[in-house]
């Protein structure tokens, strides 16, 4: 399974929903919490996501998944499992 990285911020319902889905699927992931308040981490996230500054931002291996809605779309279509299995 490729490494999964998620940038989150506190009290973000979309972040919580994305994290819950990953936990439900027993996916090991690295969470960079408080990225909204750490200028270096937020800049890193924006650079890696080609300018997207909203939370969460999710990466599976070298693939930028996007935000929570993007993750949920992948799950709904069955593509998330394929991406995680790559």
PDB file of N, CA and C in Angstrom:
ATOM      1  N   UNK A   1       0.858  -1.177   0.000  1.00  0.00           N
ATOM      2  CA  UNK A   1       0.000   0.000   0.000  1.00  0.00           C
ATOM      3  C   UNK A   1       0.901   1.236   0.000  1.00  0.00           C
ATOM      4  N   UNK A   2       0.619   2.171  -0.883  1.00  0.00           N
ATOM      5  CA  UNK A   2       1.418   3.399  -0.907  1.00  0.00           C
ATOM      6  C   UNK A   2       1.161   4.229   0.353  1.00  0.00           C
ATOM      7  N   UNK A   3       2.098   5.076   0.721  1.00  0.00           N
ATOM      8  CA  UNK A   3       1.877   5.924   1.902  1.00  0.00           C
ATOM      9  C   UNK A   3       0.743   6.916   1.658  1.00  0.00           C
ATOM     10  N   UNK A   4      -0.020   7.165   2.700  1.00  0.00           N
ATOM     11  CA  UNK A   4      -1.135   8.100   2.627  1.00  0.00           C
ATOM     12  C   UNK A   4      -0.819   9.266   3.558  1.00  0.00           C
ATOM     13  N   UNK A   5      -0.973  10.473   3.046  1.00  0.00           N
ATOM     14  CA  UNK A   5      -0.697  11.699   3.791  1.00  0.00           C
ATOM     15  C   UNK A   5      -1.916  12.592   3.707  1.00  0.00           C
ATOM     16  N   UNK A   6      -2.324  13.130   4.853  1.00  0.00           N
ATOM     17  CA  UNK A   6      -3.477  14.030   4.878  1.00  0.00           C
ATOM     18  C   UNK A   6      -3.139  15.253   5.728  1.00  0.00           C
ATOM     19  N   UNK A   7      -3.338  16.421   5.135  1.00  0.00           N
ATOM     20  CA  UNK A   7      -3.163  17.685   5.840  1.00  0.00           C
ATOM     21  C   UNK A   7      -4.531  18.086   6.381  1.00  0.00           C
ATOM     22  N   UNK A   8      -4.602  18.360   7.684  1.00  0.00           N
ATOM     23  CA  UNK A   8      -5.872  18.700   8.314  1.00  0.00           C
ATOM     24  C   UNK A   8      -5.733  19.958   9.166  1.00  0.00           C
ATOM     25  N   UNK A   9      -6.885  20.448   9.602  1.00  0.00           N
ATOM     26  CA  UNK A   9      -6.912  21.538  10.573  1.00  0.00           C
ATOM     27  C   UNK A   9      -7.976  21.203  11.615  1.00  0.00           C
ATOM     28  N   UNK A  10      -7.836  21.743  12.829  1.00  0.00           N
ATOM     29  CA  UNK A  10      -8.790  21.438  13.904  1.00  0.00           C
ATOM     30  C   UNK A  10     -10.204  21.908  13.572  1.00  0.00           C
ATOM     31  N   UNK A  11     -11.162  21.153  14.067  1.00  0.00           N
ATOM     32  CA  UNK A  11     -12.583  21.495  13.973  1.00  0.00           C
ATOM     33  C   UNK A  11     -13.091  21.572  12.536  1.00  0.00           C
ATOM     34  N   UNK A  12     -12.428  20.883  11.637  1.00  0.00           N
ATOM     35  CA  UNK A  12     -12.826  20.872  10.229  1.00  0.00           C
ATOM     36  C   UNK A  12     -13.669  19.611   9.984  1.00  0.00           C
ATOM     37  N   UNK A  13     -14.962  19.770   9.691  1.00  0.00           N
ATOM     38  CA  UNK A  13     -15.805  18.590   9.493  1.00  0.00           C
ATOM     39  C   UNK A  13     -15.381  17.747   8.284  1.00  0.00           C
ATOM     40  N   UNK A  14     -14.851  18.400   7.252  1.00  0.00           N
ATOM     41  CA  UNK A  14     -14.396  17.652   6.082  1.00  0.00           C
ATOM     42  C   UNK A  14     -13.153  16.835   6.410  1.00  0.00           C
ATOM     43  N   UNK A  15     -12.275  17.409   7.219  1.00  0.00           N
ATOM     44  CA  UNK A  15     -11.076  16.688   7.657  1.00  0.00           C
ATOM     45  C   UNK A  15     -11.486  15.464   8.469  1.00  0.00           C
ATOM     46  N   UNK A  16     -12.412  15.664   9.400  1.00  0.00           N
ATOM     47  CA  UNK A  16     -12.881  14.562  10.244  1.00  0.00           C
ATOM     48  C   UNK A  16     -13.505  13.452   9.407  1.00  0.00           C
ATOM     49  N   UNK A  17     -14.289  13.827   8.432  1.00  0.00           N
ATOM     50  CA  UNK A  17     -14.955  12.836   7.577  1.00  0.00           C
ATOM     51  C   UNK A  17     -13.938  12.025   6.772  1.00  0.00           C
ATOM     52  N   UNK A  18     -12.927  12.703   6.238  1.00  0.00           N
ATOM     53  CA  UNK A  18     -11.884  12.008   5.469  1.00  0.00           C
ATOM     54  C   UNK A  18     -11.085  11.068   6.367  1.00  0.00           C
ATOM     55  N   UNK A  19     -10.723  11.541   7.548  1.00  0.00           N
ATOM     56  CA  UNK A  19      -9.967  10.712   8.495  1.00  0.00           C
ATOM     57  C   UNK A  19     -10.802   9.503   8.911  1.00  0.00           C
ATOM     58  N   UNK A  20     -12.093   9.706   9.160  1.00  0.00           N
ATOM     59  CA  UNK A  20     -12.975   8.598   9.544  1.00  0.00           C
ATOM     60  C   UNK A  20     -13.032   7.527   8.455  1.00  0.00           C
ATOM     61  N   UNK A  21     -13.113   7.953   7.201  1.00  0.00           N
ATOM     62  CA  UNK A  21     -13.156   6.981   6.106  1.00  0.00           C
ATOM     63  C   UNK A  21     -11.861   6.181   6.054  1.00  0.00           C
ATOM     64  N   UNK A  22     -10.733   6.850   6.177  1.00  0.00           N
ATOM     65  CA  UNK A  22      -9.449   6.145   6.133  1.00  0.00           C
ATOM     66  C   UNK A  22      -9.335   5.162   7.293  1.00  0.00           C
ATOM     67  N   UNK A  23      -9.773   5.568   8.473  1.00  0.00           N
ATOM     68  CA  UNK A  23      -9.743   4.661   9.636  1.00  0.00           C
ATOM     69  C   UNK A  23     -10.689   3.482   9.434  1.00  0.00           C
ATOM     70  N   UNK A  24     -11.873   3.743   8.894  1.00  0.00           N
ATOM     71  CA  UNK A  24     -12.855   2.680   8.645  1.00  0.00           C
ATOM     72  C   UNK A  24     -12.288   1.628   7.695  1.00  0.00           C
ATOM     73  N   UNK A  25     -11.477   2.085   6.734  1.00  0.00           N
ATOM     74  CA  UNK A  25     -10.887   1.173   5.758  1.00  0.00           C
ATOM     75  C   UNK A  25      -9.566   0.579   6.264  1.00  0.00           C
ATOM     76  N   UNK A  26      -9.201   0.869   7.514  1.00  0.00           N
ATOM     77  CA  UNK A  26      -7.953   0.388   8.115  1.00  0.00           C
ATOM     78  C   UNK A  26      -6.725   0.805   7.315  1.00  0.00           C
ATOM     79  N   UNK A  27      -6.753   2.028   6.825  1.00  0.00           N
ATOM     80  CA  UNK A  27      -5.634   2.575   6.059  1.00  0.00           C
ATOM     81  C   UNK A  27      -4.689   3.280   7.027  1.00  0.00           C
ATOM     82  N   UNK A  28      -3.439   2.893   6.997  1.00  0.00           N
ATOM     83  CA  UNK A  28      -2.431   3.608   7.781  1.00  0.00           C
ATOM     84  C   UNK A  28      -2.133   4.918   7.066  1.00  0.00           C
ATOM     85  N   UNK A  29      -2.109   6.009   7.808  1.00  0.00           N
ATOM     86  CA  UNK A  29      -1.857   7.303   7.181  1.00  0.00           C
ATOM     87  C   UNK A  29      -1.099   8.209   8.141  1.00  0.00           C
ATOM     88  N   UNK A  30      -0.454   9.193   7.555  1.00  0.00           N
ATOM     89  CA  UNK A  30       0.213  10.237   8.324  1.00  0.00           C
ATOM     90  C   UNK A  30      -0.658  11.474   8.241  1.00  0.00           C
ATOM     91  N   UNK A  31      -0.992  12.024   9.398  1.00  0.00           N
ATOM     92  CA  UNK A  31      -1.812  13.227   9.445  1.00  0.00           C
ATOM     93  C   UNK A  31      -0.951  14.401   9.898  1.00  0.00           C
ATOM     94  N   UNK A  32      -0.971  15.434   9.113  1.00  0.00           N
ATOM     95  CA  UNK A  32      -0.304  16.675   9.507  1.00  0.00           C
ATOM     96  C   UNK A  32      -1.409  17.603   9.976  1.00  0.00           C
ATOM     97  N   UNK A  33      -1.612  17.611  11.302  1.00  0.00           N
ATOM     98  CA  UNK A  33      -2.670  18.383  11.929  1.00  0.00           C
ATOM     99  C   UNK A  33      -2.172  19.802  12.183  1.00  0.00           C
ATOM    100  N   UNK A  34      -3.087  20.718  12.320  1.00  0.00           N
ATOM    101  CA  UNK A  34      -2.757  22.128  12.571  1.00  0.00           C
ATOM    102  C   UNK A  34      -1.994  22.759  11.420  1.00  0.00           C
ATOM    103  N   UNK A  35      -2.091  22.194  10.232  1.00  0.00           N
ATOM    104  CA  UNK A  35      -1.372  22.750   9.082  1.00  0.00           C
ATOM    105  C   UNK A  35      -1.834  24.170   8.776  1.00  0.00           C
ATOM    106  N   UNK A  36      -3.051  24.515   9.167  1.00  0.00           N
ATOM    107  CA  UNK A  36      -3.555  25.866   8.913  1.00  0.00           C
ATOM    108  C   UNK A  36      -2.802  26.904   9.735  1.00  0.00           C
ATOM    109  N   UNK A  37      -2.235  26.471  10.863  1.00  0.00           N
ATOM    110  CA  UNK A  37      -1.574  27.405  11.765  1.00  0.00           C
ATOM    111  C   UNK A  37      -0.053  27.339  11.682  1.00  0.00           C
ATOM    112  N   UNK A  38       0.456  26.388  10.937  1.00  0.00           N
ATOM    113  CA  UNK A  38       1.907  26.252  10.736  1.00  0.00           C
ATOM    114  C   UNK A  38       2.192  26.722   9.312  1.00  0.00           C
ATOM    115  N   UNK A  39       2.760  27.925   9.197  1.00  0.00           N
ATOM    116  CA  UNK A  39       2.951  28.525   7.871  1.00  0.00           C
ATOM    117  C   UNK A  39       3.787  27.645   6.955  1.00  0.00           C
ATOM    118  N   UNK A  40       4.813  27.006   7.493  1.00  0.00           N
ATOM    119  CA  UNK A  40       5.678  26.154   6.665  1.00  0.00           C
ATOM    120  C   UNK A  40       4.909  24.939   6.164  1.00  0.00           C
ATOM    121  N   UNK A  41       4.118  24.309   7.023  1.00  0.00           N
ATOM    122  CA  UNK A  41       3.346  23.122   6.618  1.00  0.00           C
ATOM    123  C   UNK A  41       2.249  23.500   5.630  1.00  0.00           C
ATOM    124  N   UNK A  42       1.620  24.647   5.842  1.00  0.00           N
ATOM    125  CA  UNK A  42       0.573  25.074   4.912  1.00  0.00           C
ATOM    126  C   UNK A  42       1.187  25.379   3.545  1.00  0.00           C
ATOM    127  N   UNK A  43       2.332  26.045   3.535  1.00  0.00           N
ATOM    128  CA  UNK A  43       3.013  26.338   2.266  1.00  0.00           C
ATOM    129  C   UNK A  43       3.412  25.057   1.560  1.00  0.00           C
ATOM    130  N   UNK A  44       3.881  24.075   2.327  1.00  0.00           N
ATOM    131  CA  UNK A  44       4.247  22.766   1.769  1.00  0.00           C
ATOM    132  C   UNK A  44       3.027  22.108   1.128  1.00  0.00           C
ATOM    133  N   UNK A  45       1.888  22.150   1.831  1.00  0.00           N
ATOM    134  CA  UNK A  45       0.652  21.555   1.319  1.00  0.00           C
ATOM    135  C   UNK A  45       0.215  22.237   0.026  1.00  0.00           C
ATOM    136  N   UNK A  46       0.238  23.554   0.020  1.00  0.00           N
ATOM    137  CA  UNK A  46      -0.194  24.306  -1.158  1.00  0.00           C
ATOM    138  C   UNK A  46       0.699  23.997  -2.349  1.00  0.00           C
ATOM    139  N   UNK A  47       1.984  23.909  -2.107  1.00  0.00           N
ATOM    140  CA  UNK A  47       2.918  23.587  -3.198  1.00  0.00           C
ATOM    141  C   UNK A  47       2.669  22.177  -3.740  1.00  0.00           C
ATOM    142  N   UNK A  48       2.513  21.202  -2.828  1.00  0.00           N
ATOM    143  CA  UNK A  48       2.301  19.816  -3.254  1.00  0.00           C
ATOM    144  C   UNK A  48       0.980  19.635  -3.986  1.00  0.00           C
ATOM    145  N   UNK A  49      -0.023  20.462  -3.631  1.00  0.00           N
ATOM    146  CA  UNK A  49      -1.364  20.307  -4.214  1.00  0.00           C
ATOM    147  C   UNK A  49      -1.611  21.260  -5.376  1.00  0.00           C
ATOM    148  N   UNK A  50      -0.554  21.815  -5.912  1.00  0.00           N
ATOM    149  CA  UNK A  50      -0.659  22.736  -7.054  1.00  0.00           C
ATOM    150  C   UNK A  50      -1.574  23.921  -6.782  1.00  0.00           C
ATOM    151  N   UNK A  51      -1.437  24.500  -5.588  1.00  0.00           N
ATOM    152  CA  UNK A  51      -2.150  25.727  -5.279  1.00  0.00           C
ATOM    153  C   UNK A  51      -3.413  25.591  -4.465  1.00  0.00           C
ATOM    154  N   UNK A  52      -3.829  24.384  -4.168  1.00  0.00           N
ATOM    155  CA  UNK A  52      -5.060  24.225  -3.376  1.00  0.00           C
ATOM    156  C   UNK A  52      -4.759  24.498  -1.911  1.00  0.00           C
ATOM    157  N   UNK A  53      -5.545  25.380  -1.308  1.00  0.00           N
ATOM    158  CA  UNK A  53      -5.284  25.810   0.066  1.00  0.00           C
ATOM    159  C   UNK A  53      -6.389  25.401   1.037  1.00  0.00           C
ATOM    160  N   UNK A  54      -7.368  24.630   0.571  1.00  0.00           N
ATOM    161  CA  UNK A  54      -8.450  24.208   1.447  1.00  0.00           C
ATOM    162  C   UNK A  54      -8.068  22.909   2.156  1.00  0.00           C
ATOM    163  N   UNK A  55      -8.773  22.634   3.250  1.00  0.00           N
ATOM    164  CA  UNK A  55      -8.495  21.436   4.038  1.00  0.00           C
ATOM    165  C   UNK A  55      -9.663  20.488   3.961  1.00  0.00           C
ATOM    166  N   UNK A  56      -9.377  19.193   3.961  1.00  0.00           N
ATOM    167  CA  UNK A  56      -8.066  18.557   3.954  1.00  0.00           C
ATOM    168  C   UNK A  56      -7.500  18.490   2.535  1.00  0.00           C
ATOM    169  N   UNK A  57      -6.235  18.173   2.454  1.00  0.00           N
ATOM    170  CA  UNK A  57      -5.605  17.795   1.190  1.00  0.00           C
ATOM    171  C   UNK A  57      -5.013  16.413   1.421  1.00  0.00           C
ATOM    172  N   UNK A  58      -5.314  15.506   0.506  1.00  0.00           N
ATOM    173  CA  UNK A  58      -4.989  14.086   0.689  1.00  0.00           C
ATOM    174  C   UNK A  58      -4.106  13.614  -0.452  1.00  0.00           C
ATOM    175  N   UNK A  59      -3.094  12.854  -0.094  1.00  0.00           N
ATOM    176  CA  UNK A  59      -2.147  12.305  -1.058  1.00  0.00           C
ATOM    177  C   UNK A  59      -2.019  10.810  -0.809  1.00  0.00           C
ATOM    178  N   UNK A  60      -2.085  10.035  -1.875  1.00  0.00           N
ATOM    179  CA  UNK A  60      -1.857   8.589  -1.802  1.00  0.00           C
ATOM    180  C   UNK A  60      -0.678   8.306  -2.715  1.00  0.00           C
ATOM    181  N   UNK A  61       0.446   7.965  -2.096  1.00  0.00           N
ATOM    182  CA  UNK A  61       1.673   7.824  -2.861  1.00  0.00           C
ATOM    183  C   UNK A  61       1.988   9.147  -3.521  1.00  0.00           C
ATOM    184  N   UNK A  62       2.247   9.130  -4.818  1.00  0.00           N
ATOM    185  CA  UNK A  62       2.547  10.351  -5.567  1.00  0.00           C
ATOM    186  C   UNK A  62       1.292  11.022  -6.131  1.00  0.00           C
ATOM    187  N   UNK A  63       0.131  10.454  -5.844  1.00  0.00           N
ATOM    188  CA  UNK A  63      -1.125  10.971  -6.390  1.00  0.00           C
ATOM    189  C   UNK A  63      -1.786  11.951  -5.439  1.00  0.00           C
ATOM    190  N   UNK A  64      -2.074  13.140  -5.934  1.00  0.00           N
ATOM    191  CA  UNK A  64      -2.837  14.117  -5.156  1.00  0.00           C
ATOM    192  C   UNK A  64      -4.312  13.794  -5.363  1.00  0.00           C
ATOM    193  N   UNK A  65      -4.949  13.295  -4.325  1.00  0.00           N
ATOM    194  CA  UNK A  65      -6.365  12.930  -4.398  1.00  0.00           C
ATOM    195  C   UNK A  65      -7.225  14.180  -4.411  1.00  0.00           C
ATOM    196  N   UNK A  66      -6.867  15.152  -3.601  1.00  0.00           N
ATOM    197  CA  UNK A  66      -7.660  16.366  -3.449  1.00  0.00           C
ATOM    198  C   UNK A  66      -8.208  16.443  -2.046  1.00  0.00           C
ATOM    199  N   UNK A  67      -9.449  16.919  -1.928  1.00  0.00           N
ATOM    200  CA  UNK A  67     -10.079  17.083  -0.626  1.00  0.00           C
ATOM    201  C   UNK A  67     -11.012  15.943  -0.274  1.00  0.00           C
ATOM    202  N   UNK A  68     -11.828  16.189   0.731  1.00  0.00           N
ATOM    203  CA  UNK A  68     -12.756  15.177   1.233  1.00  0.00           C
ATOM    204  C   UNK A  68     -13.741  14.722   0.158  1.00  0.00           C
ATOM    205  N   UNK A  69     -14.330  15.661  -0.554  1.00  0.00           N
ATOM    206  CA  UNK A  69     -15.306  15.288  -1.592  1.00  0.00           C
ATOM    207  C   UNK A  69     -14.655  14.412  -2.663  1.00  0.00           C
ATOM    208  N   UNK A  70     -13.408  14.726  -3.001  1.00  0.00           N
ATOM    209  CA  UNK A  70     -12.686  13.920  -3.990  1.00  0.00           C
ATOM    210  C   UNK A  70     -12.453  12.500  -3.462  1.00  0.00           C
ATOM    211  N   UNK A  71     -12.088  12.406  -2.191  1.00  0.00           N
ATOM    212  CA  UNK A  71     -11.870  11.098  -1.570  1.00  0.00           C
ATOM    213  C   UNK A  71     -13.165  10.289  -1.563  1.00  0.00           C
ATOM    214  N   UNK A  72     -14.274  10.941  -1.227  1.00  0.00           N
ATOM    215  CA  UNK A  72     -15.568  10.253  -1.180  1.00  0.00           C
ATOM    216  C   UNK A  72     -16.004   9.794  -2.577  1.00  0.00           C
ATOM    217  N   UNK A  73     -15.717  10.606  -3.586  1.00  0.00           N
ATOM    218  CA  UNK A  73     -16.039  10.199  -4.963  1.00  0.00           C
ATOM    219  C   UNK A  73     -15.250   8.950  -5.349  1.00  0.00           C
ATOM    220  N   UNK A  74     -13.963   8.940  -4.994  1.00  0.00           N
ATOM    221  CA  UNK A  74     -13.140   7.758  -5.278  1.00  0.00           C
ATOM    222  C   UNK A  74     -13.704   6.526  -4.572  1.00  0.00           C
ATOM    223  N   UNK A  75     -14.114   6.694  -3.337  1.00  0.00           N
ATOM    224  CA  UNK A  75     -14.680   5.580  -2.573  1.00  0.00           C
ATOM    225  C   UNK A  75     -15.967   5.089  -3.227  1.00  0.00           C
ATOM    226  N   UNK A  76     -16.823   6.016  -3.605  1.00  0.00           N
ATOM    227  CA  UNK A  76     -18.100   5.651  -4.216  1.00  0.00           C
ATOM    228  C   UNK A  76     -17.960   4.926  -5.538  1.00  0.00           C
ATOM    229  N   UNK A  77     -16.912   5.244  -6.275  1.00  0.00           N
ATOM    230  CA  UNK A  77     -16.709   4.614  -7.584  1.00  0.00           C
ATOM    231  C   UNK A  77     -15.888   3.331  -7.511  1.00  0.00           C
ATOM    232  N   UNK A  78     -15.333   3.041  -6.330  1.00  0.00           N
ATOM    233  CA  UNK A  78     -14.490   1.854  -6.185  1.00  0.00           C
ATOM    234  C   UNK A  78     -13.032   2.111  -6.537  1.00  0.00           C
ATOM    235  N   UNK A  79     -12.722   3.331  -6.979  1.00  0.00           N
ATOM    236  CA  UNK A  79     -11.359   3.648  -7.405  1.00  0.00           C
ATOM    237  C   UNK A  79     -10.403   3.831  -6.229  1.00  0.00           C
ATOM    238  N   UNK A  80     -10.935   4.131  -5.035  1.00  0.00           N
ATOM    239  CA  UNK A  80     -10.064   4.329  -3.878  1.00  0.00           C
ATOM    240  C   UNK A  80      -9.333   3.033  -3.534  1.00  0.00           C
ATOM    241  N   UNK A  81     -10.032   1.932  -3.523  1.00  0.00           N
ATOM    242  CA  UNK A  81      -9.386   0.644  -3.214  1.00  0.00           C
ATOM    243  C   UNK A  81      -8.295   0.322  -4.223  1.00  0.00           C
ATOM    244  N   UNK A  82      -8.529   0.614  -5.479  1.00  0.00           N
ATOM    245  CA  UNK A  82      -7.516   0.358  -6.517  1.00  0.00           C
ATOM    246  C   UNK A  82      -6.288   1.236  -6.298  1.00  0.00           C
ATOM    247  N   UNK A  83      -6.528   2.497  -5.945  1.00  0.00           N
ATOM    248  CA  UNK A  83      -5.421   3.421  -5.702  1.00  0.00           C
ATOM    249  C   UNK A  83      -4.621   2.989  -4.478  1.00  0.00           C
ATOM    250  N   UNK A  84      -5.319   2.533  -3.448  1.00  0.00           N
ATOM    251  CA  UNK A  84      -4.642   2.078  -2.238  1.00  0.00           C
ATOM    252  C   UNK A  84      -3.875   0.779  -2.456  1.00  0.00           C
ATOM    253  N   UNK A  85      -4.318  -0.030  -3.395  1.00  0.00           N
ATOM    254  CA  UNK A  85      -3.675  -1.319  -3.669  1.00  0.00           C
ATOM    255  C   UNK A  85      -2.475  -1.205  -4.596  1.00  0.00           C
ATOM    256  N   UNK A  86      -2.322  -0.050  -5.236  1.00  0.00           N
ATOM    257  CA  UNK A  86      -1.243   0.126  -6.215  1.00  0.00           C
ATOM    258  C   UNK A  86       0.130   0.012  -5.592  1.00  0.00           C
TER     259      UNK A  86
END
